[in-house]
Every structure is written in structure tokens, then in C-alpha cells.
Amino acid sequence: MTAPAAGDIRTFERTFTPEEVRQFAELSGDRQPRHLESDEEGRLLVHGLLTATMPTKIGGDFEVLGRSMTFEFLRPVYTGDTVTCEMTVETVEEHEDRYDLTASVTCENENGETVMTGTVEGLVRK
């Protein structure tokens, strides 16, 4: 494990599929019709918390154990949309057994529109 440092940036890109939305609906119990019935363009609305799994994946790359996560969902994400999520480590505080960190998150669709922003606080064990 490499020690985290302020300014570290990681990105992750993903295109959500109808099958992933259906699986998330089953796992989460959120079976609202907007997530399970196609719109006039044949798309499903991606759950906000499914979109929020993108920074979770990046946090896993950093080996972060999350303490708190705050997200603001700004635009809808639909199946077929490609979303790029960027996480930037803002602060790191070193302790004997861990690093405490805060990070900012921005997710954009393929049109460059911000769909979600957020803040993550957590720790990385040494």
C-alpha cells in the first residue's frame, strides 16, 4: 500500500447497463417504476446510489475505509450513459496506525455535464 497524499487523483469510467440497474433494484429493494420501466428512448433511470458506487470503487483502489460520504445528485444518469468519476485527495493526516483523509468527488457524463459531486472522509490503515 502506498501512503495517500494530498493531490492524489484517481478516475473511473463506467457505462451503466439495464441489467446492472435491475440487479441493483433487487439488491437495494428500490423497485420504483422509473428504474425498471424504460422511458421513451428505451433507457432506465440509474439509481443515485448506484452512481455513487463509482467513488466507492475508487476508494477501494486507495484502500480507504469510509467514515462518511456526502453526495449531491445534480442530473439524472440513464443506462447507456458513460460517466467518468474523479476523486481527489484533499487532506491527509498521518497517525501511528493510519492515515485520515478527505477527498472530493466529481462525476460527469459524456457531455461534460456534472451529474454528481461529493465528499468522502475515511482512513487508510498502515
Protein backbone atom coordinates (compact mmCIF):
# COMPACT_ATOMS: atom_id res chain seq x y z
CA MET A 1 0.00 0.00 0.00
CA THR A 2 1.29 3.42 -0.96
CA ALA A 3 0.65 6.19 1.56
CA PRO A 4 -2.06 8.58 0.35
CA ALA A 5 -1.03 12.17 -0.37
CA ALA A 6 -2.97 15.39 -0.85
CA GLY A 7 -3.39 15.96 -4.55
CA ASP A 8 -3.63 12.26 -5.48
CA ILE A 9 -6.23 11.85 -8.23
CA ARG A 10 -7.90 8.69 -9.48
CA THR A 11 -10.58 8.29 -12.12
CA PHE A 12 -13.02 5.56 -13.08
CA GLU A 13 -15.28 5.40 -16.13
CA ARG A 14 -18.39 3.30 -16.43
CA THR A 15 -21.36 2.84 -18.75
CA PHE A 16 -24.40 1.60 -16.85
CA THR A 17 -26.47 -1.22 -18.34
CA PRO A 18 -30.15 -2.12 -17.85
CA GLU A 19 -29.08 -5.41 -16.23
CA GLU A 20 -26.98 -3.57 -13.64
CA VAL A 21 -29.92 -1.28 -12.80
CA ARG A 22 -32.24 -4.29 -12.42
CA GLN A 23 -29.70 -6.10 -10.20
CA PHE A 24 -29.28 -3.01 -8.04
CA ALA A 25 -33.07 -2.71 -7.75
CA GLU A 26 -33.20 -6.27 -6.45
CA LEU A 27 -30.28 -5.82 -4.05
CA SER A 28 -31.46 -2.46 -2.70
CA GLY A 29 -35.20 -3.15 -2.73
CA ASP A 30 -35.74 0.15 -4.64
CA ARG A 31 -38.02 -1.10 -7.41
CA GLN A 32 -39.57 2.20 -8.43
CA PRO A 33 -41.04 2.05 -11.95
CA ARG A 34 -38.65 4.82 -13.11
CA HIS A 35 -35.79 2.36 -12.56
CA LEU A 36 -37.50 -0.67 -14.08
CA GLU A 37 -39.63 0.70 -16.93
CA SER A 38 -37.93 2.16 -19.98
CA ASP A 39 -38.50 5.78 -20.93
CA GLU A 40 -39.49 6.89 -24.45
CA GLU A 41 -35.85 6.45 -25.53
CA GLY A 42 -35.65 2.90 -24.14
CA ARG A 43 -33.46 3.85 -21.17
CA LEU A 44 -33.76 3.15 -17.46
CA LEU A 45 -33.00 5.77 -14.83
CA VAL A 46 -29.90 4.71 -12.88
CA HIS A 47 -30.33 4.78 -9.10
CA GLY A 48 -28.42 7.62 -7.48
CA LEU A 49 -26.74 5.22 -5.09
CA LEU A 50 -25.69 3.01 -8.00
CA THR A 51 -23.95 6.06 -9.47
CA ALA A 52 -22.41 6.58 -6.01
CA THR A 53 -20.72 3.18 -6.26
CA MET A 54 -18.21 4.82 -8.60
CA PRO A 55 -16.36 6.71 -5.83
CA THR A 56 -16.70 3.57 -3.70
CA LYS A 57 -14.70 1.69 -6.34
CA ILE A 58 -12.05 4.43 -6.40
CA GLY A 59 -11.92 4.44 -2.58
CA GLY A 60 -11.25 0.71 -2.78
CA ASP A 61 -8.32 1.43 -5.10
CA PHE A 62 -6.95 3.80 -2.42
CA GLU A 63 -7.78 1.15 0.27
CA VAL A 64 -9.97 3.68 2.08
CA LEU A 65 -12.31 2.59 4.85
CA GLY A 66 -15.09 5.13 4.57
CA ARG A 67 -16.31 7.06 7.60
CA SER A 68 -18.70 9.39 5.85
CA MET A 69 -19.80 10.11 2.31
CA THR A 70 -21.92 13.03 1.20
CA PHE A 71 -23.23 13.21 -2.36
CA GLU A 72 -25.27 15.73 -4.30
CA PHE A 73 -27.08 14.34 -7.33
CA LEU A 74 -27.30 17.12 -9.91
CA ARG A 75 -28.51 15.46 -13.12
CA PRO A 76 -30.09 12.11 -13.94
CA VAL A 77 -27.99 9.24 -15.24
CA TYR A 78 -29.55 6.78 -17.67
CA THR A 79 -28.49 3.37 -18.93
CA GLY A 80 -26.14 3.82 -21.85
CA ASP A 81 -24.64 6.99 -20.35
CA THR A 82 -20.89 6.88 -19.83
CA VAL A 83 -19.93 8.52 -16.55
CA THR A 84 -16.40 9.47 -15.52
CA CYS A 85 -15.79 9.87 -11.81
CA GLU A 86 -12.76 11.68 -10.43
CA MET A 87 -11.70 11.54 -6.80
CA THR A 88 -9.09 13.99 -5.50
CA VAL A 89 -7.47 13.55 -2.09
CA GLU A 90 -7.75 16.94 -0.41
CA THR A 91 -6.19 16.36 3.01
CA VAL A 92 -4.18 13.63 4.71
CA GLU A 93 -3.39 13.46 8.40
CA GLU A 94 -0.88 10.80 9.44
CA HIS A 95 -1.30 8.84 12.67
CA GLU A 96 0.68 5.97 14.13
CA ASP A 97 -1.57 3.27 12.67
CA ARG A 98 -3.44 5.04 9.85
CA TYR A 99 -3.91 7.99 7.56
CA ASP A 100 -7.11 10.03 7.88
CA LEU A 101 -8.14 11.64 4.64
CA THR A 102 -10.79 13.73 2.95
CA ALA A 103 -11.44 13.64 -0.76
CA SER A 104 -13.66 15.44 -3.22
CA VAL A 105 -15.63 13.64 -5.91
CA THR A 106 -16.93 14.84 -9.26
CA CYS A 107 -18.78 12.64 -11.76
CA GLU A 108 -19.54 13.83 -15.29
CA ASN A 109 -21.45 12.31 -18.17
CA GLU A 110 -20.07 12.00 -21.70
CA ASN A 111 -21.39 15.50 -22.49
CA GLY A 112 -19.19 17.02 -19.76
CA GLU A 113 -22.19 17.72 -17.52
CA THR A 114 -21.67 17.19 -13.80
CA VAL A 115 -24.11 14.54 -12.59
CA MET A 116 -22.85 14.11 -9.02
CA THR A 117 -20.45 15.76 -6.60
CA GLY A 118 -19.44 14.73 -3.14
CA THR A 119 -17.04 14.48 -0.26
CA VAL A 120 -15.57 11.34 1.26
CA GLU A 121 -13.90 11.07 4.66
CA GLY A 122 -12.13 7.92 5.70
CA LEU A 123 -8.97 6.21 6.77
CA VAL A 124 -6.26 4.08 5.29
CA ARG A 125 -4.61 1.63 7.64
CA LYS A 126 -0.82 1.36 7.62
